[in-house]
Full PDB file with SEQRES, HELIX, SHEET, SSBOND, CRYST1, ORIGX, SCALE, CONECT and MASTER records, all heavy atoms in Angstrom:
SEQRES   1 A   38  GLY TRP HIS ARG GLN ALA PRO GLY LYS GLN ARG GLU LEU          
SEQRES   2 A   38  VAL ALA SER ILE SER GLN SER GLY ARG THR ASN TYR ALA          
SEQRES   3 A   38  ASP SER VAL LYS GLY ARG PHE THR ILE SER ARG ASP              
SHEET    1 AA1 3 TRP A   2  ARG A   4  0                                        
SHEET    2 AA1 3 GLU A  12  ILE A  17 -1                                        
SHEET    3 AA1 3 THR A  23  TYR A  25 -1                                        
CRYST1    1.000    1.000    1.000  90.00  90.00  90.00 P 1           1          
ORIGX1      1.000000  0.000000  0.000000        0.00000                         
ORIGX2      0.000000  1.000000  0.000000        0.00000                         
ORIGX3      0.000000  0.000000  1.000000        0.00000                         
SCALE1      1.000000  0.000000  0.000000        0.00000                         
SCALE2      0.000000  1.000000  0.000000        0.00000                         
SCALE3      0.000000  0.000000  1.000000        0.00000                         
ATOM      1  N   GLY A   1      -2.358  -2.012   6.540  1.00  0.00           N  
ATOM      2  CA  GLY A   1      -1.530  -1.751   5.350  1.00  0.00           C  
ATOM      3  C   GLY A   1      -1.113  -3.014   4.626  1.00  0.00           C  
ATOM      4  O   GLY A   1      -1.212  -4.130   5.164  1.00  0.00           O  
ATOM      5  N   TRP A   2      -0.692  -2.821   3.406  1.00  0.00           N  
ATOM      6  CA  TRP A   2      -0.067  -3.886   2.625  1.00  0.00           C  
ATOM      7  C   TRP A   2       1.382  -3.401   2.314  1.00  0.00           C  
ATOM      8  O   TRP A   2       1.561  -2.275   1.842  1.00  0.00           O  
ATOM      9  CB  TRP A   2      -0.835  -4.133   1.321  1.00  0.00           C  
ATOM     10  CG  TRP A   2      -2.085  -4.899   1.506  1.00  0.00           C  
ATOM     11  CD1 TRP A   2      -3.350  -4.366   1.649  1.00  0.00           C  
ATOM     12  CD2 TRP A   2      -2.219  -6.296   1.576  1.00  0.00           C  
ATOM     13  NE1 TRP A   2      -4.270  -5.389   1.813  1.00  0.00           N  
ATOM     14  CE2 TRP A   2      -3.592  -6.569   1.765  1.00  0.00           C  
ATOM     15  CE3 TRP A   2      -1.337  -7.374   1.531  1.00  0.00           C  
ATOM     16  CZ2 TRP A   2      -4.106  -7.883   1.874  1.00  0.00           C  
ATOM     17  CZ3 TRP A   2      -1.844  -8.672   1.630  1.00  0.00           C  
ATOM     18  CH2 TRP A   2      -3.190  -8.899   1.820  1.00  0.00           C  
ATOM     19  N   HIS A   3       2.332  -4.284   2.585  1.00  0.00           N  
ATOM     20  CA  HIS A   3       3.700  -4.041   2.234  1.00  0.00           C  
ATOM     21  C   HIS A   3       4.163  -5.158   1.297  1.00  0.00           C  
ATOM     22  O   HIS A   3       3.502  -6.204   1.242  1.00  0.00           O  
ATOM     23  CB  HIS A   3       4.578  -4.030   3.487  1.00  0.00           C  
ATOM     24  CG  HIS A   3       4.213  -2.923   4.449  1.00  0.00           C  
ATOM     25  ND1 HIS A   3       5.101  -1.938   4.807  1.00  0.00           N  
ATOM     26  CD2 HIS A   3       3.081  -2.643   5.134  1.00  0.00           C  
ATOM     27  CE1 HIS A   3       4.520  -1.124   5.672  1.00  0.00           C  
ATOM     28  NE2 HIS A   3       3.297  -1.523   5.893  1.00  0.00           N  
ATOM     29  N   ARG A   4       5.268  -4.965   0.645  1.00  0.00           N  
ATOM     30  CA  ARG A   4       5.801  -6.010  -0.200  1.00  0.00           C  
ATOM     31  C   ARG A   4       7.306  -6.048  -0.135  1.00  0.00           C  
ATOM     32  O   ARG A   4       7.962  -5.011   0.179  1.00  0.00           O  
ATOM     33  CB  ARG A   4       5.333  -5.827  -1.665  1.00  0.00           C  
ATOM     34  CG  ARG A   4       5.908  -4.622  -2.347  1.00  0.00           C  
ATOM     35  CD  ARG A   4       5.297  -4.470  -3.738  1.00  0.00           C  
ATOM     36  NE  ARG A   4       5.809  -3.307  -4.447  1.00  0.00           N  
ATOM     37  CZ  ARG A   4       5.340  -2.861  -5.608  1.00  0.00           C  
ATOM     38  NH1 ARG A   4       4.267  -3.493  -6.192  1.00  0.00           N  
ATOM     39  NH2 ARG A   4       5.856  -1.814  -6.219  1.00  0.00           N  
ATOM     40  N   GLN A   5       7.844  -7.209  -0.388  1.00  0.00           N  
ATOM     41  CA  GLN A   5       9.285  -7.387  -0.442  1.00  0.00           C  
ATOM     42  C   GLN A   5       9.657  -8.230  -1.627  1.00  0.00           C  
ATOM     43  O   GLN A   5       9.284  -9.418  -1.720  1.00  0.00           O  
ATOM     44  CB  GLN A   5       9.794  -8.029   0.864  1.00  0.00           C  
ATOM     45  CG  GLN A   5      11.296  -8.059   0.945  1.00  0.00           C  
ATOM     46  CD  GLN A   5      11.767  -8.374   2.353  1.00  0.00           C  
ATOM     47  OE1 GLN A   5      11.036  -8.875   3.189  1.00  0.00           O  
ATOM     48  NE2 GLN A   5      13.039  -8.073   2.639  1.00  0.00           N  
ATOM     49  N   ALA A   6      10.384  -7.591  -2.532  1.00  0.00           N  
ATOM     50  CA  ALA A   6      10.889  -8.307  -3.690  1.00  0.00           C  
ATOM     51  C   ALA A   6      12.254  -8.944  -3.403  1.00  0.00           C  
ATOM     52  O   ALA A   6      12.923  -8.486  -2.480  1.00  0.00           O  
ATOM     53  CB  ALA A   6      11.019  -7.356  -4.899  1.00  0.00           C  
ATOM     54  N   PRO A   7      12.649  -9.950  -4.139  1.00  0.00           N  
ATOM     55  CA  PRO A   7      13.948 -10.608  -3.875  1.00  0.00           C  
ATOM     56  C   PRO A   7      15.075  -9.578  -3.907  1.00  0.00           C  
ATOM     57  O   PRO A   7      15.204  -8.789  -4.828  1.00  0.00           O  
ATOM     58  CB  PRO A   7      14.068 -11.595  -5.028  1.00  0.00           C  
ATOM     59  CG  PRO A   7      12.651 -11.895  -5.400  1.00  0.00           C  
ATOM     60  CD  PRO A   7      11.911 -10.643  -5.206  1.00  0.00           C  
ATOM     61  N   GLY A   8      15.910  -9.578  -2.864  1.00  0.00           N  
ATOM     62  CA  GLY A   8      17.043  -8.703  -2.787  1.00  0.00           C  
ATOM     63  C   GLY A   8      16.735  -7.275  -2.455  1.00  0.00           C  
ATOM     64  O   GLY A   8      17.629  -6.448  -2.478  1.00  0.00           O  
ATOM     65  N   LYS A   9      15.489  -6.977  -2.129  1.00  0.00           N  
ATOM     66  CA  LYS A   9      15.108  -5.619  -1.801  1.00  0.00           C  
ATOM     67  C   LYS A   9      14.516  -5.525  -0.420  1.00  0.00           C  
ATOM     68  O   LYS A   9      14.085  -6.516   0.140  1.00  0.00           O  
ATOM     69  CB  LYS A   9      14.113  -5.076  -2.839  1.00  0.00           C  
ATOM     70  CG  LYS A   9      14.678  -4.945  -4.249  1.00  0.00           C  
ATOM     71  CD  LYS A   9      13.733  -4.273  -5.174  1.00  0.00           C  
ATOM     72  CE  LYS A   9      14.313  -4.067  -6.554  1.00  0.00           C  
ATOM     73  NZ  LYS A   9      13.388  -3.331  -7.487  1.00  0.00           N  
ATOM     74  N   GLN A  10      14.462  -4.299   0.096  1.00  0.00           N  
ATOM     75  CA  GLN A  10      13.831  -4.088   1.390  1.00  0.00           C  
ATOM     76  C   GLN A  10      12.305  -4.112   1.291  1.00  0.00           C  
ATOM     77  O   GLN A  10      11.735  -3.819   0.239  1.00  0.00           O  
ATOM     78  CB  GLN A  10      14.315  -2.763   1.977  1.00  0.00           C  
ATOM     79  CG  GLN A  10      15.775  -2.722   2.371  1.00  0.00           C  
ATOM     80  CD  GLN A  10      16.134  -1.461   3.163  1.00  0.00           C  
ATOM     81  OE1 GLN A  10      15.574  -0.400   2.901  1.00  0.00           O  
ATOM     82  NE2 GLN A  10      17.057  -1.584   4.074  1.00  0.00           N  
ATOM     83  N   ARG A  11      11.684  -4.390   2.387  1.00  0.00           N  
ATOM     84  CA  ARG A  11      10.197  -4.362   2.415  1.00  0.00           C  
ATOM     85  C   ARG A  11       9.773  -2.908   2.289  1.00  0.00           C  
ATOM     86  O   ARG A  11      10.366  -1.996   2.872  1.00  0.00           O  
ATOM     87  CB  ARG A  11       9.702  -4.943   3.740  1.00  0.00           C  
ATOM     88  CG  ARG A  11       8.216  -5.186   3.767  1.00  0.00           C  
ATOM     89  CD  ARG A  11       7.806  -5.913   5.040  1.00  0.00           C  
ATOM     90  NE  ARG A  11       8.403  -7.243   5.099  1.00  0.00           N  
ATOM     91  CZ  ARG A  11       8.033  -8.120   6.033  1.00  0.00           C  
ATOM     92  NH1 ARG A  11       7.087  -7.813   6.937  1.00  0.00           N  
ATOM     93  NH2 ARG A  11       8.606  -9.304   6.100  1.00  0.00           N  
ATOM     94  N   GLU A  12       8.722  -2.695   1.516  1.00  0.00           N  
ATOM     95  CA  GLU A  12       8.249  -1.334   1.273  1.00  0.00           C  
ATOM     96  C   GLU A  12       6.740  -1.267   1.431  1.00  0.00           C  
ATOM     97  O   GLU A  12       6.032  -2.256   1.176  1.00  0.00           O  
ATOM     98  CB  GLU A  12       8.627  -0.863  -0.129  1.00  0.00           C  
ATOM     99  CG  GLU A  12       8.014  -1.688  -1.273  1.00  0.00           C  
ATOM    100  CD  GLU A  12       8.323  -1.094  -2.620  1.00  0.00           C  
ATOM    101  OE1 GLU A  12       8.946  -0.048  -2.744  1.00  0.00           O  
ATOM    102  OE2 GLU A  12       7.914  -1.725  -3.658  1.00  0.00           O  
ATOM    103  N   LEU A  13       6.263  -0.088   1.808  1.00  0.00           N  
ATOM    104  CA  LEU A  13       4.849   0.116   1.955  1.00  0.00           C  
ATOM    105  C   LEU A  13       4.211   0.233   0.545  1.00  0.00           C  
ATOM    106  O   LEU A  13       4.716   0.969  -0.333  1.00  0.00           O  
ATOM    107  CB  LEU A  13       4.544   1.411   2.704  1.00  0.00           C  
ATOM    108  CG  LEU A  13       3.094   1.849   2.768  1.00  0.00           C  
ATOM    109  CD1 LEU A  13       2.281   0.878   3.611  1.00  0.00           C  
ATOM    110  CD2 LEU A  13       2.976   3.270   3.320  1.00  0.00           C  
ATOM    111  N   VAL A  14       3.133  -0.493   0.331  1.00  0.00           N  
ATOM    112  CA  VAL A  14       2.385  -0.429  -0.899  1.00  0.00           C  
ATOM    113  C   VAL A  14       1.183   0.487  -0.727  1.00  0.00           C  
ATOM    114  O   VAL A  14       0.951   1.406  -1.532  1.00  0.00           O  
ATOM    115  CB  VAL A  14       1.918  -1.833  -1.356  1.00  0.00           C  
ATOM    116  CG1 VAL A  14       1.023  -1.733  -2.601  1.00  0.00           C  
ATOM    117  CG2 VAL A  14       3.088  -2.728  -1.581  1.00  0.00           C  
ATOM    118  N   ALA A  15       0.415   0.224   0.302  1.00  0.00           N  
ATOM    119  CA  ALA A  15      -0.812   1.054   0.557  1.00  0.00           C  
ATOM    120  C   ALA A  15      -1.215   0.870   2.000  1.00  0.00           C  
ATOM    121  O   ALA A  15      -0.953  -0.147   2.606  1.00  0.00           O  
ATOM    122  CB  ALA A  15      -1.938   0.594  -0.359  1.00  0.00           C  
ATOM    123  N   SER A  16      -1.852   1.918   2.547  1.00  0.00           N  
ATOM    124  CA  SER A  16      -2.389   1.809   3.890  1.00  0.00           C  
ATOM    125  C   SER A  16      -3.738   2.493   3.928  1.00  0.00           C  
ATOM    126  O   SER A  16      -4.103   3.317   3.068  1.00  0.00           O  
ATOM    127  CB  SER A  16      -1.453   2.458   4.892  1.00  0.00           C  
ATOM    128  OG  SER A  16      -1.320   3.857   4.630  1.00  0.00           O  
ATOM    129  N   ILE A  17      -4.496   2.121   4.959  1.00  0.00           N  
ATOM    130  CA  ILE A  17      -5.830   2.719   5.120  1.00  0.00           C  
ATOM    131  C   ILE A  17      -6.082   2.927   6.605  1.00  0.00           C  
ATOM    132  O   ILE A  17      -5.868   2.023   7.416  1.00  0.00           O  
ATOM    133  CB  ILE A  17      -6.933   1.802   4.482  1.00  0.00           C  
ATOM    134  CG1 ILE A  17      -8.313   2.485   4.545  1.00  0.00           C  
ATOM    135  CG2 ILE A  17      -6.941   0.389   5.075  1.00  0.00           C  
ATOM    136  CD1 ILE A  17      -9.346   1.811   3.652  1.00  0.00           C  
ATOM    137  N   SER A  18      -6.519   4.112   6.940  1.00  0.00           N  
ATOM    138  CA  SER A  18      -6.687   4.498   8.332  1.00  0.00           C  
ATOM    139  C   SER A  18      -8.014   3.955   8.865  1.00  0.00           C  
ATOM    140  O   SER A  18      -8.833   3.394   8.144  1.00  0.00           O  
ATOM    141  CB  SER A  18      -6.662   6.030   8.484  1.00  0.00           C  
ATOM    142  OG  SER A  18      -7.859   6.578   7.981  1.00  0.00           O  
ATOM    143  N   GLN A  19      -8.222   4.189  10.151  1.00  0.00           N  
ATOM    144  CA  GLN A  19      -9.467   3.766  10.794  1.00  0.00           C  
ATOM    145  C   GLN A  19     -10.711   4.399  10.120  1.00  0.00           C  
ATOM    146  O   GLN A  19     -11.778   3.825  10.026  1.00  0.00           O  
ATOM    147  CB  GLN A  19      -9.462   4.128  12.263  1.00  0.00           C  
ATOM    148  CG  GLN A  19      -8.314   3.546  13.081  1.00  0.00           C  
ATOM    149  CD  GLN A  19      -7.068   4.418  13.112  1.00  0.00           C  
ATOM    150  OE1 GLN A  19      -6.770   5.109  12.149  1.00  0.00           O  
ATOM    151  NE2 GLN A  19      -6.358   4.356  14.225  1.00  0.00           N  
ATOM    152  N   SER A  20     -10.507   5.630   9.632  1.00  0.00           N  
ATOM    153  CA  SER A  20     -11.628   6.352   9.030  1.00  0.00           C  
ATOM    154  C   SER A  20     -11.722   6.112   7.514  1.00  0.00           C  
ATOM    155  O   SER A  20     -12.653   6.652   6.866  1.00  0.00           O  
ATOM    156  CB  SER A  20     -11.449   7.855   9.256  1.00  0.00           C  
ATOM    157  OG  SER A  20     -10.261   8.324   8.667  1.00  0.00           O  
ATOM    158  N   GLY A  21     -10.778   5.380   6.979  1.00  0.00           N  
ATOM    159  CA  GLY A  21     -10.845   5.058   5.543  1.00  0.00           C  
ATOM    160  C   GLY A  21      -9.915   5.912   4.668  1.00  0.00           C  
ATOM    161  O   GLY A  21      -9.947   5.764   3.445  1.00  0.00           O  
ATOM    162  N   ARG A  22      -9.122   6.750   5.258  1.00  0.00           N  
ATOM    163  CA  ARG A  22      -8.172   7.546   4.515  1.00  0.00           C  
ATOM    164  C   ARG A  22      -7.096   6.622   3.947  1.00  0.00           C  
ATOM    165  O   ARG A  22      -6.500   5.815   4.686  1.00  0.00           O  
ATOM    166  CB  ARG A  22      -7.537   8.620   5.318  1.00  0.00           C  
ATOM    167  CG  ARG A  22      -6.509   9.486   4.572  1.00  0.00           C  
ATOM    168  CD  ARG A  22      -5.947  10.557   5.439  1.00  0.00           C  
ATOM    169  NE  ARG A  22      -6.997  11.528   5.789  1.00  0.00           N  
ATOM    170  CZ  ARG A  22      -6.704  12.630   6.532  1.00  0.00           C  
ATOM    171  NH1 ARG A  22      -5.472  12.847   6.973  1.00  0.00           N  
ATOM    172  NH2 ARG A  22      -7.686  13.487   6.813  1.00  0.00           N  
ATOM    173  N   THR A  23      -6.788   6.736   2.662  1.00  0.00           N  
ATOM    174  CA  THR A  23      -5.821   5.851   2.019  1.00  0.00           C  
ATOM    175  C   THR A  23      -4.531   6.532   1.629  1.00  0.00           C  
ATOM    176  O   THR A  23      -4.500   7.759   1.431  1.00  0.00           O  
ATOM    177  CB  THR A  23      -6.438   5.207   0.774  1.00  0.00           C  
ATOM    178  OG1 THR A  23      -6.835   6.247  -0.111  1.00  0.00           O  
ATOM    179  CG2 THR A  23      -7.631   4.343   1.121  1.00  0.00           C  
ATOM    180  N   ASN A  24      -3.494   5.724   1.532  1.00  0.00           N  
ATOM    181  CA  ASN A  24      -2.175   6.238   1.134  1.00  0.00           C  
ATOM    182  C   ASN A  24      -1.521   5.176   0.268  1.00  0.00           C  
ATOM    183  O   ASN A  24      -1.627   3.983   0.580  1.00  0.00           O  
ATOM    184  CB  ASN A  24      -1.307   6.502   2.384  1.00  0.00           C  
ATOM    185  CG  ASN A  24       0.076   6.961   2.013  1.00  0.00           C  
ATOM    186  OD1 ASN A  24       0.242   7.928   1.303  1.00  0.00           O  
ATOM    187  ND2 ASN A  24       1.078   6.279   2.530  1.00  0.00           N  
ATOM    188  N   TYR A  25      -0.920   5.605  -0.845  1.00  0.00           N  
ATOM    189  CA  TYR A  25      -0.365   4.665  -1.776  1.00  0.00           C  
ATOM    190  C   TYR A  25       1.102   5.057  -2.123  1.00  0.00           C  
ATOM    191  O   TYR A  25       1.478   6.235  -2.194  1.00  0.00           O  
ATOM    192  CB  TYR A  25      -1.140   4.649  -3.071  1.00  0.00           C  
ATOM    193  CG  TYR A  25      -2.561   4.130  -2.953  1.00  0.00           C  
ATOM    194  CD1 TYR A  25      -3.602   5.004  -2.747  1.00  0.00           C  
ATOM    195  CD2 TYR A  25      -2.831   2.772  -2.981  1.00  0.00           C  
ATOM    196  CE1 TYR A  25      -4.917   4.578  -2.607  1.00  0.00           C  
ATOM    197  CE2 TYR A  25      -4.117   2.310  -2.865  1.00  0.00           C  
ATOM    198  CZ  TYR A  25      -5.162   3.234  -2.669  1.00  0.00           C  
ATOM    199  OH  TYR A  25      -6.429   2.783  -2.512  1.00  0.00           O  
ATOM    200  N   ALA A  26       1.903   4.033  -2.358  1.00  0.00           N  
ATOM    201  CA  ALA A  26       3.204   4.282  -2.912  1.00  0.00           C  
ATOM    202  C   ALA A  26       3.041   4.840  -4.354  1.00  0.00           C  
ATOM    203  O   ALA A  26       2.068   4.488  -5.054  1.00  0.00           O  
ATOM    204  CB  ALA A  26       4.000   2.972  -2.997  1.00  0.00           C  
ATOM    205  N   ASP A  27       3.927   5.712  -4.735  1.00  0.00           N  
ATOM    206  CA  ASP A  27       3.813   6.315  -6.076  1.00  0.00           C  
ATOM    207  C   ASP A  27       3.796   5.270  -7.178  1.00  0.00           C  
ATOM    208  O   ASP A  27       3.103   5.449  -8.206  1.00  0.00           O  
ATOM    209  CB  ASP A  27       5.014   7.261  -6.310  1.00  0.00           C  
ATOM    210  CG  ASP A  27       4.899   8.563  -5.516  1.00  0.00           C  
ATOM    211  OD1 ASP A  27       3.765   8.859  -5.021  1.00  0.00           O  
ATOM    212  OD2 ASP A  27       5.923   9.230  -5.349  1.00  0.00           O  
ATOM    213  N   SER A  28       4.496   4.161  -6.961  1.00  0.00           N  
ATOM    214  CA  SER A  28       4.609   3.139  -8.009  1.00  0.00           C  
ATOM    215  C   SER A  28       3.321   2.408  -8.271  1.00  0.00           C  
ATOM    216  O   SER A  28       3.181   1.743  -9.321  1.00  0.00           O  
ATOM    217  CB  SER A  28       5.708   2.153  -7.640  1.00  0.00           C  
ATOM    218  OG  SER A  28       5.397   1.532  -6.406  1.00  0.00           O  
ATOM    219  N   VAL A  29       2.344   2.509  -7.348  1.00  0.00           N  
ATOM    220  CA  VAL A  29       1.078   1.763  -7.558  1.00  0.00           C  
ATOM    221  C   VAL A  29      -0.130   2.680  -7.656  1.00  0.00           C  
ATOM    222  O   VAL A  29      -1.246   2.181  -7.871  1.00  0.00           O  
ATOM    223  CB  VAL A  29       0.874   0.751  -6.408  1.00  0.00           C  
ATOM    224  CG1 VAL A  29       2.087  -0.153  -6.261  1.00  0.00           C  
ATOM    225  CG2 VAL A  29       0.538   1.442  -5.093  1.00  0.00           C  
ATOM    226  N   LYS A  30       0.082   3.960  -7.504  1.00  0.00           N  
ATOM    227  CA  LYS A  30      -1.073   4.894  -7.596  1.00  0.00           C  
ATOM    228  C   LYS A  30      -1.780   4.739  -8.928  1.00  0.00           C  
ATOM    229  O   LYS A  30      -1.163   4.675  -9.993  1.00  0.00           O  
ATOM    230  CB  LYS A  30      -0.601   6.364  -7.434  1.00  0.00           C  
ATOM    231  CG  LYS A  30      -0.329   6.721  -5.988  1.00  0.00           C  
ATOM    232  CD  LYS A  30       0.119   8.179  -5.895  1.00  0.00           C  
ATOM    233  CE  LYS A  30       0.420   8.525  -4.450  1.00  0.00           C  
ATOM    234  NZ  LYS A  30       0.951   9.914  -4.332  1.00  0.00           N  
ATOM    235  N   GLY A  31      -3.124   4.668  -8.868  1.00  0.00           N  
ATOM    236  CA  GLY A  31      -3.910   4.540 -10.074  1.00  0.00           C  
ATOM    237  C   GLY A  31      -4.086   3.077 -10.515  1.00  0.00           C  
ATOM    238  O   GLY A  31      -4.894   2.831 -11.405  1.00  0.00           O  
ATOM    239  N   ARG A  32      -3.348   2.171  -9.932  1.00  0.00           N  
ATOM    240  CA  ARG A  32      -3.447   0.755 -10.328  1.00  0.00           C  
ATOM    241  C   ARG A  32      -3.943  -0.111  -9.180  1.00  0.00           C  
ATOM    242  O   ARG A  32      -4.649  -1.087  -9.432  1.00  0.00           O  
ATOM    243  CB  ARG A  32      -2.069   0.233 -10.769  1.00  0.00           C  
ATOM    244  CG  ARG A  32      -1.476   0.991 -11.929  1.00  0.00           C  
ATOM    245  CD  ARG A  32      -0.231   0.282 -12.450  1.00  0.00           C  
ATOM    246  NE  ARG A  32       0.857   0.215 -11.484  1.00  0.00           N  
ATOM    247  CZ  ARG A  32       1.446  -0.897 -11.025  1.00  0.00           C  
ATOM    248  NH1 ARG A  32       0.998  -2.085 -11.458  1.00  0.00           N  
ATOM    249  NH2 ARG A  32       2.433  -0.823 -10.150  1.00  0.00           N  
ATOM    250  N   PHE A  33      -3.596   0.223  -7.954  1.00  0.00           N  
ATOM    251  CA  PHE A  33      -3.977  -0.574  -6.790  1.00  0.00           C  
ATOM    252  C   PHE A  33      -5.013   0.199  -5.953  1.00  0.00           C  
ATOM    253  O   PHE A  33      -4.943   1.449  -5.874  1.00  0.00           O  
ATOM    254  CB  PHE A  33      -2.784  -0.840  -5.902  1.00  0.00           C  
ATOM    255  CG  PHE A  33      -1.755  -1.795  -6.474  1.00  0.00           C  
ATOM    256  CD1 PHE A  33      -1.780  -2.202  -7.791  1.00  0.00           C  
ATOM    257  CD2 PHE A  33      -0.752  -2.319  -5.665  1.00  0.00           C  
ATOM    258  CE1 PHE A  33      -0.849  -3.067  -8.319  1.00  0.00           C  
ATOM    259  CE2 PHE A  33       0.200  -3.173  -6.131  1.00  0.00           C  
ATOM    260  CZ  PHE A  33       0.155  -3.551  -7.477  1.00  0.00           C  
ATOM    261  N   THR A  34      -5.914  -0.545  -5.335  1.00  0.00           N  
ATOM    262  CA  THR A  34      -6.914   0.044  -4.435  1.00  0.00           C  
ATOM    263  C   THR A  34      -6.986  -0.765  -3.144  1.00  0.00           C  
ATOM    264  O   THR A  34      -7.199  -1.989  -3.210  1.00  0.00           O  
ATOM    265  CB  THR A  34      -8.287   0.081  -5.111  1.00  0.00           C  
ATOM    266  OG1 THR A  34      -8.204   0.818  -6.328  1.00  0.00           O  
ATOM    267  CG2 THR A  34      -9.290   0.769  -4.181  1.00  0.00           C  
ATOM    268  N   ILE A  35      -6.801  -0.070  -2.025  1.00  0.00           N  
ATOM    269  CA  ILE A  35      -6.928  -0.737  -0.698  1.00  0.00           C  
ATOM    270  C   ILE A  35      -8.321  -0.424  -0.141  1.00  0.00           C  
ATOM    271  O   ILE A  35      -8.820   0.692  -0.305  1.00  0.00           O  
ATOM    272  CB  ILE A  35      -5.823  -0.311   0.234  1.00  0.00           C  
ATOM    273  CG1 ILE A  35      -5.818  -1.151   1.507  1.00  0.00           C  
ATOM    274  CG2 ILE A  35      -5.903   1.180   0.571  1.00  0.00           C  
ATOM    275  CD1 ILE A  35      -4.602  -0.910   2.385  1.00  0.00           C  
ATOM    276  N   SER A  36      -8.897  -1.406   0.525  1.00  0.00           N  
ATOM    277  CA  SER A  36     -10.183  -1.187   1.137  1.00  0.00           C  
ATOM    278  C   SER A  36     -10.270  -2.033   2.435  1.00  0.00           C  
ATOM    279  O   SER A  36      -9.504  -2.979   2.593  1.00  0.00           O  
ATOM    280  CB  SER A  36     -11.343  -1.564   0.200  1.00  0.00           C  
ATOM    281  OG  SER A  36     -11.269  -2.932  -0.150  1.00  0.00           O  
ATOM    282  N   ARG A  37     -11.191  -1.684   3.300  1.00  0.00           N  
ATOM    283  CA  ARG A  37     -11.334  -2.443   4.547  1.00  0.00           C  
ATOM    284  C   ARG A  37     -12.804  -2.573   4.864  1.00  0.00           C  
ATOM    285  O   ARG A  37     -13.644  -1.728   4.508  1.00  0.00           O  
ATOM    286  CB  ARG A  37     -10.591  -1.733   5.702  1.00  0.00           C  
ATOM    287  CG  ARG A  37     -11.205  -0.408   6.145  1.00  0.00           C  
ATOM    288  CD  ARG A  37     -10.274   0.284   7.117  1.00  0.00           C  
ATOM    289  NE  ARG A  37     -10.197  -0.400   8.391  1.00  0.00           N  
ATOM    290  CZ  ARG A  37      -9.238  -0.189   9.308  1.00  0.00           C  
ATOM    291  NH1 ARG A  37      -8.264   0.727   9.062  1.00  0.00           N  
ATOM    292  NH2 ARG A  37      -9.274  -0.827  10.460  1.00  0.00           N  
ATOM    293  N   ASP A  38     -13.105  -3.667   5.568  1.00  0.00           N  
ATOM    294  CA  ASP A  38     -14.435  -3.937   6.087  1.00  0.00           C  
ATOM    295  C   ASP A  38     -14.314  -4.193   7.577  1.00  0.00           C  
ATOM    296  O   ASP A  38     -13.896  -5.272   7.986  1.00  0.00           O  
ATOM    297  CB  ASP A  38     -15.047  -5.131   5.373  1.00  0.00           C  
ATOM    298  CG  ASP A  38     -16.491  -5.340   5.737  1.00  0.00           C  
ATOM    299  OD1 ASP A  38     -16.917  -4.995   6.826  1.00  0.00           O  
ATOM    300  OD2 ASP A  38     -17.234  -5.931   4.905  1.00  0.00           O  
TER     301      ASP A  38                                                      
MASTER        0    0    0    0    3    0    0    6  300    1    0    3          
END                                                                             
């Protein structure tokens, strides 16, 4: 997964990808960010 932490804010999940390639995105980045794995 990728998480992020902005100044003064808690760390939050941005996107994750399972062993099989299933992805999950935060609502704030859907349609803009893409996670992939090799």
